[in-house]
Amino acid sequence: MRPMKLSLPLCGVLAVLALAPGAAFAQHDHAAHAHAAAPVPPPAQRWAADATLGTDMGQIHTVLEQLRHYEMGHMDATLALDRVSAIEESAADIFAKCRLAPEQDAVLHGMLVPLLAAVRKFKADPADMGQLAAMREAVAGYPRYFEAPGWTAETGHMH
């Protein structure tokens, strides 16, 4: 499988997020990512995910499933915040190691940016359960675009 390469604008998003967590989205130039704004129809055959992308997106999805326990009151906020930090770590790993074609990059960018925005909002207010739904929604389309063993393309849920 050929290595995937993230575009420089996507790598820049990670740098902005890492350097200025509170102001990352206020300073981010969304015009530079106009390619991500236009919806990309799912491919006829899902794109291959390299080991990093498959592992890290699987980890993100697993954590989001674990956070259902928090929503039901079976997990405390400290553990929920720890789990959300694991989502950030997986996203950072994707940004650092994945190499994608431009169209694939745009699709993944369109998932990870809203995911990380919801993570930041949740970290600021762990009582905002709506951010957990926003995180799930952000990655729900992943199995429609990328090979995702264990996920269903219809719902984004794992089996």
Protein backbone atom coordinates (compact mmCIF):
# COMPACT_ATOMS: atom_id res chain seq x y z
CA MET A 1 0.00 0.00 0.00
CA ARG A 2 1.41 3.41 -0.89
CA PRO A 3 2.00 5.89 1.94
CA MET A 4 -0.63 8.57 2.41
CA LYS A 5 0.36 12.23 2.58
CA LEU A 6 -1.65 14.95 4.29
CA SER A 7 -1.69 18.32 2.63
CA LEU A 8 0.27 21.16 4.17
CA PRO A 9 -2.93 23.08 5.07
CA LEU A 10 -4.15 20.09 7.08
CA CYS A 11 -0.82 19.79 8.86
CA GLY A 12 -1.08 23.51 9.60
CA VAL A 13 -4.40 22.94 11.35
CA LEU A 14 -2.71 20.58 13.78
CA ALA A 15 0.04 23.11 14.45
CA VAL A 16 -2.52 25.84 15.12
CA LEU A 17 -4.47 23.53 17.43
CA ALA A 18 -1.36 22.53 19.33
CA LEU A 19 0.02 26.06 19.73
CA ALA A 20 -3.13 28.00 20.50
CA PRO A 21 -5.79 25.67 21.90
CA GLY A 22 -8.18 28.38 22.99
CA ALA A 23 -7.96 30.46 19.83
CA ALA A 24 -7.25 27.83 17.21
CA PHE A 25 -10.46 28.16 15.29
CA ALA A 26 -10.66 31.93 15.56
CA GLN A 27 -7.23 32.27 13.91
CA HIS A 28 -7.65 29.45 11.40
CA ASP A 29 -8.04 30.56 7.78
CA HIS A 30 -10.96 28.47 6.57
CA ALA A 31 -10.64 29.95 3.06
CA ALA A 32 -7.39 28.05 2.71
CA HIS A 33 -9.45 24.86 3.02
CA ALA A 34 -12.20 25.67 0.54
CA HIS A 35 -11.60 22.25 -0.99
CA ALA A 36 -12.94 20.69 2.21
CA ALA A 37 -16.16 22.73 2.17
CA ALA A 38 -17.62 21.15 -0.95
CA PRO A 39 -19.21 17.79 -0.22
CA VAL A 40 -17.35 14.87 -1.75
CA PRO A 41 -19.60 11.96 -2.71
CA PRO A 42 -18.54 8.61 -1.26
CA PRO A 43 -16.34 6.68 -3.68
CA ALA A 44 -17.70 3.63 -5.55
CA GLN A 45 -15.11 1.58 -3.67
CA ARG A 46 -14.03 2.74 -0.23
CA TRP A 47 -10.50 4.07 0.00
CA ALA A 48 -7.83 1.96 1.65
CA ALA A 49 -6.71 3.15 5.06
CA ASP A 50 -3.09 2.67 6.01
CA ALA A 51 -2.26 1.15 9.39
CA THR A 52 -2.05 4.53 11.14
CA LEU A 53 -5.36 5.81 9.83
CA GLY A 54 -7.18 2.53 10.47
CA THR A 55 -5.79 2.14 13.97
CA ASP A 56 -6.30 5.74 15.06
CA MET A 57 -9.79 6.10 13.61
CA GLY A 58 -10.68 2.78 15.23
CA GLN A 59 -9.36 4.14 18.54
CA ILE A 60 -11.38 7.34 18.14
CA HIS A 61 -14.51 5.32 17.48
CA THR A 62 -13.87 2.98 20.41
CA VAL A 63 -13.43 5.93 22.76
CA LEU A 64 -16.65 7.50 21.51
CA GLU A 65 -18.45 4.25 22.27
CA GLN A 66 -16.86 4.16 25.75
CA LEU A 67 -18.11 7.68 26.38
CA ARG A 68 -21.69 6.40 26.18
CA HIS A 69 -21.05 5.25 29.76
CA TYR A 70 -20.42 8.88 30.71
CA GLU A 71 -23.68 9.91 29.08
CA MET A 72 -25.50 7.28 31.15
CA GLY A 73 -23.82 8.42 34.37
CA HIS A 74 -21.61 5.33 34.68
CA MET A 75 -18.31 7.19 34.20
CA ASP A 76 -16.98 10.22 36.06
CA ALA A 77 -15.90 13.45 34.36
CA THR A 78 -12.21 12.87 35.08
CA LEU A 79 -12.23 9.59 33.17
CA ALA A 80 -14.36 11.11 30.38
CA LEU A 81 -11.84 13.92 29.96
CA ASP A 82 -9.03 11.37 29.88
CA ARG A 83 -10.83 9.44 27.15
CA VAL A 84 -11.41 12.64 25.15
CA SER A 85 -7.69 13.37 25.41
CA ALA A 86 -7.11 9.97 23.78
CA ILE A 87 -9.19 11.21 20.82
CA GLU A 88 -6.87 14.23 20.51
CA GLU A 89 -3.83 11.95 20.63
CA SER A 90 -5.22 9.71 17.90
CA ALA A 91 -6.05 12.73 15.73
CA ALA A 92 -2.53 14.11 16.26
CA ASP A 93 -1.11 10.75 15.20
CA ILE A 94 -3.22 10.84 12.03
CA PHE A 95 -2.06 14.37 11.23
CA ALA A 96 1.58 13.43 11.83
CA LYS A 97 1.76 10.09 10.01
CA CYS A 98 -0.98 9.71 7.40
CA ARG A 99 -0.43 10.49 3.75
CA LEU A 100 -3.55 11.05 1.67
CA ALA A 101 -4.45 12.03 -1.85
CA PRO A 102 -6.02 15.53 -2.03
CA GLU A 103 -9.64 14.33 -2.24
CA GLN A 104 -9.15 11.89 0.63
CA ASP A 105 -7.35 14.60 2.60
CA ALA A 106 -10.32 16.94 2.12
CA VAL A 107 -12.78 14.32 3.35
CA LEU A 108 -10.70 13.44 6.41
CA HIS A 109 -10.09 17.14 7.14
CA GLY A 110 -13.86 17.64 7.04
CA MET A 111 -14.18 15.03 9.78
CA LEU A 112 -11.24 15.81 12.05
CA VAL A 113 -11.70 19.58 12.30
CA PRO A 114 -15.28 19.38 13.66
CA LEU A 115 -14.27 16.41 15.82
CA LEU A 116 -11.49 18.43 17.45
CA ALA A 117 -13.75 21.48 17.80
CA ALA A 118 -16.25 19.36 19.74
CA VAL A 119 -13.41 17.88 21.83
CA ARG A 120 -12.29 21.41 22.81
CA LYS A 121 -15.84 22.44 23.74
CA PHE A 122 -16.34 19.29 25.79
CA LYS A 123 -13.05 19.82 27.62
CA ALA A 124 -14.20 23.35 28.46
CA ASP A 125 -17.60 22.06 29.70
CA PRO A 126 -17.79 18.31 30.41
CA ALA A 127 -21.48 18.68 31.26
CA ASP A 128 -22.21 19.53 27.60
CA MET A 129 -23.30 16.09 26.42
CA GLY A 130 -24.19 17.56 23.04
CA GLN A 131 -20.49 17.72 22.24
CA LEU A 132 -20.24 13.93 22.50
CA ALA A 133 -22.99 13.64 19.89
CA ALA A 134 -21.12 16.23 17.77
CA MET A 135 -17.94 14.12 18.01
CA ARG A 136 -19.80 11.02 16.85
CA GLU A 137 -21.46 12.94 14.04
CA ALA A 138 -18.09 14.28 12.89
CA VAL A 139 -16.73 10.78 12.23
CA ALA A 140 -19.98 9.03 11.28
CA GLY A 141 -19.15 9.24 7.57
CA TYR A 142 -15.73 7.66 7.91
CA PRO A 143 -16.84 4.10 6.96
CA ARG A 144 -18.63 5.42 3.87
CA TYR A 145 -15.31 6.71 2.52
CA PHE A 146 -12.56 4.54 4.00
CA GLU A 147 -12.13 0.84 4.61
CA ALA A 148 -13.19 0.43 8.22
CA PRO A 149 -13.39 -3.19 9.41
CA GLY A 150 -15.94 -3.50 12.19
CA TRP A 151 -17.83 -0.32 11.26
CA THR A 152 -21.08 -0.23 9.36
CA ALA A 153 -21.15 2.29 6.53
CA GLU A 154 -24.80 3.15 7.21
CA THR A 155 -24.43 4.34 10.79
CA GLY A 156 -20.74 4.68 11.58
CA HIS A 157 -21.19 2.26 14.49
CA MET A 158 -18.79 -0.56 15.25
CA HIS A 159 -19.79 -4.20 15.55
